[in-house]
Every structure is written in C-alpha cells, then in structure tokens.
C-alpha cells in the first residue's frame, strides 16, 4: 500500500500532488538514516585506527544520503509550488516508455547480480567460507524476495 501510494503513476495532477506530499513526508526518515551513518562514523573514528576505512565509508554514505535527501526535498517543494512543473513531471513520471525502461533495467540488474553472486560463490569457496556463506545467503534472500513479489503481484493483478 505504501509503495503504491508513493510510486505508482498518478491519474491526475491532484493525485500526483498528494503522492509528492507523501514522498516529502518520507524524507525525514532518509535524513535520520544519513545522520545515523555519520554518527556511527564518528564513533568508529574515535574507537581506533583500524576502523578508519569503515569510518570514512559511513561518513561518505551518510553525507551522500543527506545531500540527496535535501535535493529531493527541494525538488519536490519546487514542483509542488508550480502547476506547470507539476503537470510536466507527472506526465514524465507516468510515461509508459520510461516505466518499461526502468522495469527492464531492474530485470537486467537482478539477473547480473545473480550471475555475479554465483561466480563469487564458486571462487570464494576456495578462499573464504565466510564470504561464500554471506554471498549464498544474499542470493537465497534475493530468490525468496523474488518469489514473494511474484506471489504478491499474481494475487494483485
């Protein structure tokens, strides 16, 4: 329900306005996630030298999430204030060609991730069982989520 209300194409400008308002309400969650990553980064940095890489990684990811969240917020606010932008964005977002391109990109990325996971499992089995089991768990999680999604959408459609 949340996914549908925030991401499926809108039928009218007013419906699209409501969807943008719902998306805008989600942005504080992203800001909190970015701030949490930065806070963890600071804790790791104080804990010692051996955590410098992870600290930098978390700082970069947290900062990136914060910047993207703010840009997304400003863009939504700008679109909500201008009727012409609202209509143009709604039409662009609900364009069937764009939707199909996105679905094909998701499909291709999923297939390539499974192939990469399979190759990684084959190679890592010789060197590290921890890596092997981690990748195996991720591949299995992908398939469980894929099957759950198929069941959900088969009942829905």
N, C-alpha and C. Protein backbone atom coordinates (compact mmCIF):
# COMPACT_ATOMS: atom_id res chain seq x y z
N UNK A 1 0.82 -1.20 0.00
CA UNK A 1 0.00 0.00 0.00
C UNK A 1 0.86 1.25 0.00
N UNK A 2 1.89 1.28 0.86
CA UNK A 2 2.78 2.43 0.91
C UNK A 2 3.48 2.61 -0.43
N UNK A 3 3.97 1.49 -1.01
CA UNK A 3 4.65 1.56 -2.29
C UNK A 3 3.74 2.12 -3.36
N UNK A 4 2.52 1.61 -3.41
CA UNK A 4 1.56 2.06 -4.42
C UNK A 4 1.25 3.54 -4.24
N UNK A 5 1.04 3.95 -3.03
CA UNK A 5 0.65 5.34 -2.80
C UNK A 5 1.77 6.32 -3.10
N UNK A 6 3.02 5.86 -3.03
CA UNK A 6 4.13 6.79 -3.26
C UNK A 6 4.71 6.71 -4.67
N UNK A 7 4.64 5.55 -5.34
CA UNK A 7 5.42 5.38 -6.55
C UNK A 7 4.64 5.04 -7.80
N UNK A 8 3.45 4.50 -7.70
CA UNK A 8 2.72 4.18 -8.92
C UNK A 8 2.25 5.46 -9.61
N UNK A 9 2.11 5.41 -10.95
CA UNK A 9 1.72 6.62 -11.68
C UNK A 9 0.38 7.19 -11.22
N UNK A 10 0.30 8.50 -11.21
CA UNK A 10 -0.92 9.19 -10.80
C UNK A 10 -1.78 9.46 -12.02
N UNK A 11 -3.09 9.46 -11.80
CA UNK A 11 -4.02 9.70 -12.89
C UNK A 11 -4.32 11.17 -13.15
N UNK A 12 -4.14 12.01 -12.15
CA UNK A 12 -4.43 13.43 -12.30
C UNK A 12 -3.37 14.24 -11.58
N UNK A 13 -3.39 15.55 -11.84
CA UNK A 13 -2.42 16.43 -11.18
C UNK A 13 -2.63 16.44 -9.67
N UNK A 14 -3.87 16.43 -9.21
CA UNK A 14 -4.14 16.44 -7.78
C UNK A 14 -3.67 15.15 -7.10
N UNK A 15 -3.89 14.04 -7.78
CA UNK A 15 -3.42 12.76 -7.25
C UNK A 15 -1.88 12.75 -7.18
N UNK A 16 -1.24 13.33 -8.19
CA UNK A 16 0.22 13.41 -8.20
C UNK A 16 0.72 14.33 -7.08
N UNK A 17 -0.01 15.43 -6.84
CA UNK A 17 0.35 16.34 -5.75
C UNK A 17 0.33 15.60 -4.41
N UNK A 18 -0.71 14.78 -4.19
CA UNK A 18 -0.81 14.00 -2.95
C UNK A 18 0.34 13.01 -2.82
N UNK A 19 0.71 12.38 -3.93
CA UNK A 19 1.84 11.45 -3.91
C UNK A 19 3.14 12.16 -3.57
N UNK A 20 3.34 13.34 -4.12
CA UNK A 20 4.55 14.10 -3.81
C UNK A 20 4.57 14.51 -2.33
N UNK A 21 3.42 14.85 -1.80
CA UNK A 21 3.36 15.21 -0.38
C UNK A 21 3.71 14.00 0.48
N UNK A 22 3.22 12.80 0.11
CA UNK A 22 3.57 11.58 0.84
C UNK A 22 5.07 11.29 0.73
N UNK A 23 5.63 11.48 -0.46
CA UNK A 23 7.07 11.28 -0.63
C UNK A 23 7.86 12.26 0.23
N UNK A 24 7.38 13.50 0.30
CA UNK A 24 8.06 14.52 1.08
C UNK A 24 8.06 14.15 2.57
N UNK A 25 7.01 13.48 3.02
CA UNK A 25 6.94 13.05 4.42
C UNK A 25 7.93 11.93 4.73
N UNK A 26 8.39 11.21 3.70
CA UNK A 26 9.34 10.12 3.87
C UNK A 26 10.78 10.64 4.00
N UNK A 27 11.04 11.83 3.55
CA UNK A 27 12.40 12.38 3.53
C UNK A 27 13.03 12.46 4.93
N UNK A 28 12.31 12.82 6.00
CA UNK A 28 12.97 12.81 7.32
C UNK A 28 13.55 11.45 7.72
N UNK A 29 12.95 10.36 7.24
CA UNK A 29 13.50 9.03 7.51
C UNK A 29 14.87 8.90 6.85
N UNK A 30 14.97 9.39 5.62
CA UNK A 30 16.26 9.35 4.94
C UNK A 30 17.29 10.24 5.63
N UNK A 31 16.85 11.40 6.08
CA UNK A 31 17.75 12.31 6.79
C UNK A 31 18.25 11.65 8.08
N UNK A 32 17.36 10.98 8.80
CA UNK A 32 17.77 10.27 10.02
C UNK A 32 18.76 9.15 9.70
N UNK A 33 18.53 8.44 8.60
CA UNK A 33 19.45 7.36 8.21
C UNK A 33 20.83 7.94 7.89
N UNK A 34 20.86 9.05 7.17
CA UNK A 34 22.14 9.69 6.87
C UNK A 34 22.84 10.18 8.11
N UNK A 35 22.09 10.80 9.01
CA UNK A 35 22.67 11.30 10.26
C UNK A 35 23.17 10.13 11.13
N UNK A 36 22.44 9.02 11.13
CA UNK A 36 22.86 7.85 11.89
C UNK A 36 24.18 7.29 11.34
N UNK A 37 24.32 7.26 10.03
CA UNK A 37 25.56 6.78 9.43
C UNK A 37 26.73 7.69 9.80
N UNK A 38 26.48 8.99 9.81
CA UNK A 38 27.53 9.94 10.19
C UNK A 38 27.88 9.77 11.67
N UNK A 39 26.88 9.56 12.52
CA UNK A 39 27.13 9.36 13.94
C UNK A 39 27.96 8.08 14.17
N UNK A 40 27.61 7.01 13.48
CA UNK A 40 28.38 5.77 13.59
C UNK A 40 29.81 5.99 13.12
N UNK A 41 29.96 6.79 12.06
CA UNK A 41 31.28 7.13 11.55
C UNK A 41 32.12 7.81 12.63
N UNK A 42 31.53 8.75 13.32
CA UNK A 42 32.25 9.48 14.38
C UNK A 42 32.64 8.54 15.52
N UNK A 43 31.73 7.63 15.89
CA UNK A 43 32.03 6.67 16.96
C UNK A 43 33.17 5.75 16.52
N UNK A 44 33.13 5.27 15.29
CA UNK A 44 34.19 4.40 14.79
C UNK A 44 35.53 5.12 14.73
N UNK A 45 35.51 6.38 14.34
CA UNK A 45 36.74 7.15 14.23
C UNK A 45 37.41 7.30 15.60
N UNK A 46 36.62 7.47 16.63
CA UNK A 46 37.17 7.61 17.99
C UNK A 46 37.61 6.28 18.58
N UNK A 47 37.12 5.17 18.01
CA UNK A 47 37.44 3.87 18.60
C UNK A 47 38.82 3.36 18.24
N UNK A 48 39.44 3.89 17.19
CA UNK A 48 40.79 3.46 16.88
C UNK A 48 41.14 3.55 15.41
N UNK A 49 42.43 3.36 15.14
CA UNK A 49 42.96 3.46 13.78
C UNK A 49 42.43 2.40 12.84
N UNK A 50 42.22 1.18 13.35
CA UNK A 50 41.83 0.08 12.48
C UNK A 50 40.41 0.25 11.90
N UNK A 51 39.68 1.23 12.36
CA UNK A 51 38.32 1.47 11.87
C UNK A 51 38.24 2.67 10.93
N UNK A 52 39.38 3.20 10.50
CA UNK A 52 39.39 4.41 9.68
C UNK A 52 38.67 4.21 8.35
N UNK A 53 38.85 3.05 7.72
CA UNK A 53 38.19 2.82 6.43
C UNK A 53 36.67 2.82 6.59
N UNK A 54 36.17 2.05 7.56
CA UNK A 54 34.72 1.99 7.78
C UNK A 54 34.17 3.36 8.18
N UNK A 55 34.93 4.08 8.98
CA UNK A 55 34.50 5.41 9.39
C UNK A 55 34.33 6.32 8.17
N UNK A 56 35.30 6.29 7.29
CA UNK A 56 35.22 7.10 6.07
C UNK A 56 34.09 6.67 5.17
N UNK A 57 33.90 5.36 5.06
CA UNK A 57 32.81 4.83 4.23
C UNK A 57 31.46 5.29 4.77
N UNK A 58 31.24 5.14 6.08
CA UNK A 58 29.98 5.56 6.68
C UNK A 58 29.77 7.07 6.57
N UNK A 59 30.85 7.82 6.71
CA UNK A 59 30.75 9.27 6.58
C UNK A 59 30.32 9.65 5.16
N UNK A 60 30.93 9.01 4.17
CA UNK A 60 30.58 9.29 2.78
C UNK A 60 29.15 8.89 2.44
N UNK A 61 28.75 7.71 2.88
CA UNK A 61 27.39 7.24 2.61
C UNK A 61 26.38 8.13 3.32
N UNK A 62 26.64 8.43 4.60
CA UNK A 62 25.72 9.29 5.35
C UNK A 62 25.61 10.67 4.75
N UNK A 63 26.76 11.26 4.38
CA UNK A 63 26.74 12.58 3.74
C UNK A 63 26.00 12.54 2.41
N UNK A 64 26.23 11.46 1.64
CA UNK A 64 25.53 11.32 0.36
C UNK A 64 24.02 11.22 0.53
N UNK A 65 23.60 10.43 1.50
CA UNK A 65 22.16 10.29 1.77
C UNK A 65 21.57 11.62 2.20
N UNK A 66 22.28 12.37 3.04
CA UNK A 66 21.80 13.69 3.47
C UNK A 66 21.66 14.64 2.29
N UNK A 67 22.67 14.70 1.44
CA UNK A 67 22.64 15.62 0.29
C UNK A 67 21.51 15.24 -0.67
N UNK A 68 21.42 13.95 -0.99
CA UNK A 68 20.36 13.51 -1.91
C UNK A 68 18.98 13.80 -1.31
N UNK A 69 18.82 13.58 -0.01
CA UNK A 69 17.53 13.85 0.65
C UNK A 69 17.17 15.33 0.54
N UNK A 70 18.14 16.18 0.78
CA UNK A 70 17.86 17.62 0.71
C UNK A 70 17.54 18.06 -0.71
N UNK A 71 18.28 17.54 -1.69
CA UNK A 71 18.00 17.88 -3.09
C UNK A 71 16.62 17.38 -3.47
N UNK A 72 16.29 16.16 -3.07
CA UNK A 72 14.97 15.59 -3.36
C UNK A 72 13.87 16.44 -2.73
N UNK A 73 14.08 16.86 -1.48
CA UNK A 73 13.11 17.72 -0.79
C UNK A 73 12.91 19.03 -1.55
N UNK A 74 14.01 19.68 -1.94
CA UNK A 74 13.91 20.96 -2.66
C UNK A 74 13.23 20.79 -4.01
N UNK A 75 13.52 19.68 -4.69
CA UNK A 75 12.88 19.44 -5.99
C UNK A 75 11.37 19.25 -5.82
N UNK A 76 10.98 18.44 -4.85
CA UNK A 76 9.55 18.21 -4.61
C UNK A 76 8.87 19.52 -4.24
N UNK A 77 9.50 20.30 -3.37
CA UNK A 77 8.92 21.59 -2.97
C UNK A 77 8.75 22.51 -4.18
N UNK A 78 9.75 22.53 -5.05
CA UNK A 78 9.67 23.36 -6.25
C UNK A 78 8.53 22.91 -7.17
N UNK A 79 8.39 21.60 -7.34
CA UNK A 79 7.32 21.07 -8.20
C UNK A 79 5.95 21.36 -7.60
N UNK A 80 5.82 21.25 -6.29
CA UNK A 80 4.53 21.50 -5.65
C UNK A 80 4.10 22.96 -5.76
N UNK A 81 5.05 23.86 -5.90
CA UNK A 81 4.72 25.29 -5.98
C UNK A 81 4.36 25.76 -7.39
N UNK A 82 4.66 24.96 -8.41
CA UNK A 82 4.46 25.38 -9.80
C UNK A 82 3.58 24.37 -10.52
N UNK A 83 2.38 24.80 -10.92
CA UNK A 83 1.43 23.90 -11.58
C UNK A 83 1.98 23.34 -12.89
N UNK A 84 2.72 24.15 -13.63
CA UNK A 84 3.26 23.70 -14.92
C UNK A 84 4.30 22.59 -14.69
N UNK A 85 5.19 22.79 -13.72
CA UNK A 85 6.18 21.76 -13.38
C UNK A 85 5.49 20.50 -12.88
N UNK A 86 4.44 20.68 -12.11
CA UNK A 86 3.70 19.54 -11.57
C UNK A 86 3.16 18.67 -12.71
N UNK A 87 2.55 19.30 -13.68
CA UNK A 87 1.97 18.57 -14.82
C UNK A 87 3.06 17.90 -15.66
N UNK A 88 4.14 18.63 -15.93
CA UNK A 88 5.23 18.08 -16.75
C UNK A 88 5.85 16.87 -16.05
N UNK A 89 6.12 16.99 -14.75
CA UNK A 89 6.71 15.88 -14.01
C UNK A 89 5.77 14.68 -13.93
N UNK A 90 4.48 14.94 -13.75
CA UNK A 90 3.51 13.83 -13.69
C UNK A 90 3.50 13.08 -15.01
N UNK A 91 3.47 13.81 -16.12
CA UNK A 91 3.45 13.16 -17.43
C UNK A 91 4.75 12.40 -17.69
N UNK A 92 5.87 12.98 -17.30
CA UNK A 92 7.16 12.32 -17.50
C UNK A 92 7.25 11.06 -16.64
N UNK A 93 6.79 11.14 -15.41
CA UNK A 93 6.86 10.01 -14.49
C UNK A 93 5.90 8.89 -14.88
N UNK A 94 4.76 9.23 -15.47
CA UNK A 94 3.78 8.20 -15.82
C UNK A 94 3.90 7.74 -17.27
N UNK A 95 4.93 8.21 -17.99
CA UNK A 95 5.16 7.79 -19.36
C UNK A 95 5.46 6.29 -19.40
N UNK A 96 4.69 5.55 -20.19
CA UNK A 96 4.82 4.09 -20.22
C UNK A 96 6.18 3.64 -20.71
N UNK A 97 6.78 4.38 -21.61
CA UNK A 97 8.11 4.01 -22.11
C UNK A 97 9.13 4.09 -20.97
N UNK A 98 9.09 5.17 -20.19
CA UNK A 98 10.02 5.30 -19.06
C UNK A 98 9.82 4.19 -18.04
N UNK A 99 8.57 3.84 -17.80
CA UNK A 99 8.26 2.77 -16.85
C UNK A 99 8.83 1.44 -17.35
N UNK A 100 8.65 1.14 -18.64
CA UNK A 100 9.17 -0.10 -19.19
C UNK A 100 10.70 -0.13 -19.19
N UNK A 101 11.35 0.99 -19.49
CA UNK A 101 12.81 1.06 -19.44
C UNK A 101 13.30 0.78 -18.03
N UNK A 102 12.64 1.35 -17.04
CA UNK A 102 13.03 1.12 -15.65
C UNK A 102 12.85 -0.34 -15.26
N UNK A 103 11.73 -0.94 -15.65
CA UNK A 103 11.49 -2.36 -15.33
C UNK A 103 12.54 -3.25 -15.98
N UNK A 104 12.89 -2.97 -17.25
CA UNK A 104 13.92 -3.76 -17.93
C UNK A 104 15.28 -3.59 -17.26
N UNK A 105 15.58 -2.37 -16.81
CA UNK A 105 16.84 -2.12 -16.13
C UNK A 105 16.90 -2.90 -14.82
N UNK A 106 15.79 -2.92 -14.07
CA UNK A 106 15.73 -3.70 -12.82
C UNK A 106 15.92 -5.19 -13.11
N UNK A 107 15.27 -5.68 -14.15
CA UNK A 107 15.38 -7.09 -14.51
C UNK A 107 16.82 -7.45 -14.86
N UNK A 108 17.45 -6.64 -15.71
CA UNK A 108 18.82 -6.89 -16.13
C UNK A 108 19.77 -6.84 -14.93
N UNK A 109 19.60 -5.85 -14.07
CA UNK A 109 20.45 -5.73 -12.89
C UNK A 109 20.28 -6.95 -11.98
N UNK A 110 19.06 -7.43 -11.82
CA UNK A 110 18.81 -8.60 -10.99
C UNK A 110 19.48 -9.84 -11.55
N UNK A 111 19.36 -10.06 -12.85
CA UNK A 111 19.99 -11.22 -13.48
C UNK A 111 21.51 -11.14 -13.33
N UNK A 112 22.07 -9.97 -13.59
CA UNK A 112 23.52 -9.80 -13.49
C UNK A 112 24.01 -9.98 -12.05
N UNK A 113 23.22 -9.54 -11.07
CA UNK A 113 23.60 -9.73 -9.67
C UNK A 113 23.61 -11.22 -9.30
N UNK A 114 22.66 -11.98 -9.80
CA UNK A 114 22.62 -13.41 -9.52
C UNK A 114 23.82 -14.10 -10.17
N UNK A 115 24.15 -13.73 -11.40
CA UNK A 115 25.32 -14.31 -12.07
C UNK A 115 26.59 -13.96 -11.31
N UNK A 116 26.72 -12.69 -10.91
CA UNK A 116 27.90 -12.26 -10.15
C UNK A 116 27.97 -12.98 -8.80
N UNK A 117 26.84 -13.17 -8.15
CA UNK A 117 26.80 -13.90 -6.89
C UNK A 117 27.21 -15.35 -7.07
N UNK A 118 26.74 -15.96 -8.16
CA UNK A 118 27.09 -17.36 -8.44
C UNK A 118 28.60 -17.49 -8.66
N UNK A 119 29.18 -16.62 -9.48
CA UNK A 119 30.61 -16.66 -9.75
C UNK A 119 31.39 -16.41 -8.46
N UNK A 120 30.94 -15.43 -7.68
CA UNK A 120 31.61 -15.13 -6.41
C UNK A 120 31.56 -16.32 -5.46
N UNK A 121 30.43 -17.01 -5.42
CA UNK A 121 30.34 -18.21 -4.56
C UNK A 121 31.32 -19.28 -5.02
N UNK A 122 31.40 -19.49 -6.34
CA UNK A 122 32.32 -20.52 -6.84
C UNK A 122 33.77 -20.19 -6.48
N UNK A 123 34.16 -18.95 -6.68
CA UNK A 123 35.55 -18.56 -6.43
C UNK A 123 35.84 -18.48 -4.93
N UNK A 124 34.93 -17.88 -4.17
CA UNK A 124 35.20 -17.68 -2.75
C UNK A 124 35.22 -18.98 -1.96
N UNK A 125 34.59 -20.02 -2.46
CA UNK A 125 34.61 -21.31 -1.79
C UNK A 125 36.02 -21.85 -1.61
N UNK A 126 36.94 -21.44 -2.48
CA UNK A 126 38.33 -21.86 -2.38
C UNK A 126 39.12 -21.06 -1.35
N UNK A 127 38.65 -19.85 -1.02
CA UNK A 127 39.45 -18.96 -0.20
C UNK A 127 38.83 -18.62 1.16
N UNK A 128 37.51 -18.41 1.19
CA UNK A 128 36.90 -17.96 2.44
C UNK A 128 35.46 -18.46 2.53
N UNK A 129 35.23 -19.31 3.50
CA UNK A 129 33.87 -19.83 3.70
C UNK A 129 32.93 -18.75 4.22
N UNK A 130 33.47 -17.75 4.94
CA UNK A 130 32.63 -16.65 5.41
C UNK A 130 32.05 -15.87 4.23
N UNK A 131 32.90 -15.59 3.24
CA UNK A 131 32.44 -14.88 2.04
C UNK A 131 31.44 -15.77 1.29
N UNK A 132 31.76 -17.05 1.15
CA UNK A 132 30.87 -17.97 0.45
C UNK A 132 29.48 -17.96 1.07
N UNK A 133 29.40 -18.14 2.41
CA UNK A 133 28.09 -18.22 3.06
C UNK A 133 27.36 -16.88 3.03
N UNK A 134 28.10 -15.79 3.09
CA UNK A 134 27.46 -14.47 3.00
C UNK A 134 26.83 -14.27 1.64
N UNK A 135 27.57 -14.59 0.59
CA UNK A 135 27.03 -14.44 -0.77
C UNK A 135 25.89 -15.42 -1.00
N UNK A 136 26.04 -16.64 -0.49
CA UNK A 136 24.97 -17.63 -0.63
C UNK A 136 23.69 -17.11 0.02
N UNK A 137 23.82 -16.55 1.24
CA UNK A 137 22.65 -16.02 1.95
C UNK A 137 22.01 -14.88 1.16
N UNK A 138 22.82 -14.02 0.56
CA UNK A 138 22.27 -12.91 -0.23
C UNK A 138 21.55 -13.41 -1.48
N UNK A 139 22.11 -14.41 -2.14
CA UNK A 139 21.46 -14.97 -3.33
C UNK A 139 20.14 -15.63 -2.94
N UNK A 140 20.14 -16.38 -1.84
CA UNK A 140 18.91 -17.02 -1.38
C UNK A 140 17.87 -15.97 -0.98
N UNK A 141 18.31 -14.91 -0.31
CA UNK A 141 17.41 -13.83 0.07
C UNK A 141 16.78 -13.20 -1.18
N UNK A 142 17.59 -13.01 -2.21
CA UNK A 142 17.06 -12.47 -3.47
C UNK A 142 15.94 -13.36 -4.00
N UNK A 143 16.19 -14.68 -4.04
CA UNK A 143 15.18 -15.58 -4.57
C UNK A 143 13.92 -15.62 -3.71
N UNK A 144 14.07 -15.58 -2.40
CA UNK A 144 12.90 -15.55 -1.52
C UNK A 144 12.09 -14.28 -1.76
N UNK A 145 12.77 -13.14 -1.85
CA UNK A 145 12.07 -11.87 -2.11
C UNK A 145 11.44 -11.88 -3.50
N UNK A 146 12.12 -12.47 -4.48
CA UNK A 146 11.57 -12.57 -5.83
C UNK A 146 10.29 -13.39 -5.83
N UNK A 147 10.33 -14.54 -5.18
CA UNK A 147 9.13 -15.39 -5.12
C UNK A 147 8.00 -14.71 -4.36
N UNK A 148 8.32 -14.05 -3.26
CA UNK A 148 7.29 -13.32 -2.51
C UNK A 148 6.67 -12.23 -3.37
N UNK A 149 7.50 -11.53 -4.12
CA UNK A 149 6.99 -10.48 -5.02
C UNK A 149 6.10 -11.06 -6.10
N UNK A 150 6.50 -12.20 -6.68
CA UNK A 150 5.66 -12.84 -7.69
C UNK A 150 4.32 -13.25 -7.12
N UNK A 151 4.34 -13.85 -5.94
CA UNK A 151 3.06 -14.25 -5.32
C UNK A 151 2.18 -13.04 -5.05
N UNK A 152 2.78 -11.99 -4.53
CA UNK A 152 2.03 -10.78 -4.21
C UNK A 152 1.41 -10.19 -5.48
N UNK A 153 2.20 -10.03 -6.53
CA UNK A 153 1.68 -9.39 -7.74
C UNK A 153 0.75 -10.32 -8.54
N UNK A 154 0.93 -11.64 -8.42
CA UNK A 154 -0.03 -12.55 -9.07
C UNK A 154 -1.41 -12.44 -8.44
N UNK A 155 -1.46 -12.26 -7.13
CA UNK A 155 -2.75 -12.09 -6.46
C UNK A 155 -3.34 -10.71 -6.74
N UNK A 156 -2.48 -9.73 -6.88
CA UNK A 156 -2.93 -8.35 -7.07
C UNK A 156 -3.46 -8.11 -8.47
N UNK A 157 -2.84 -8.75 -9.45
CA UNK A 157 -3.20 -8.44 -10.85
C UNK A 157 -4.12 -9.44 -11.43
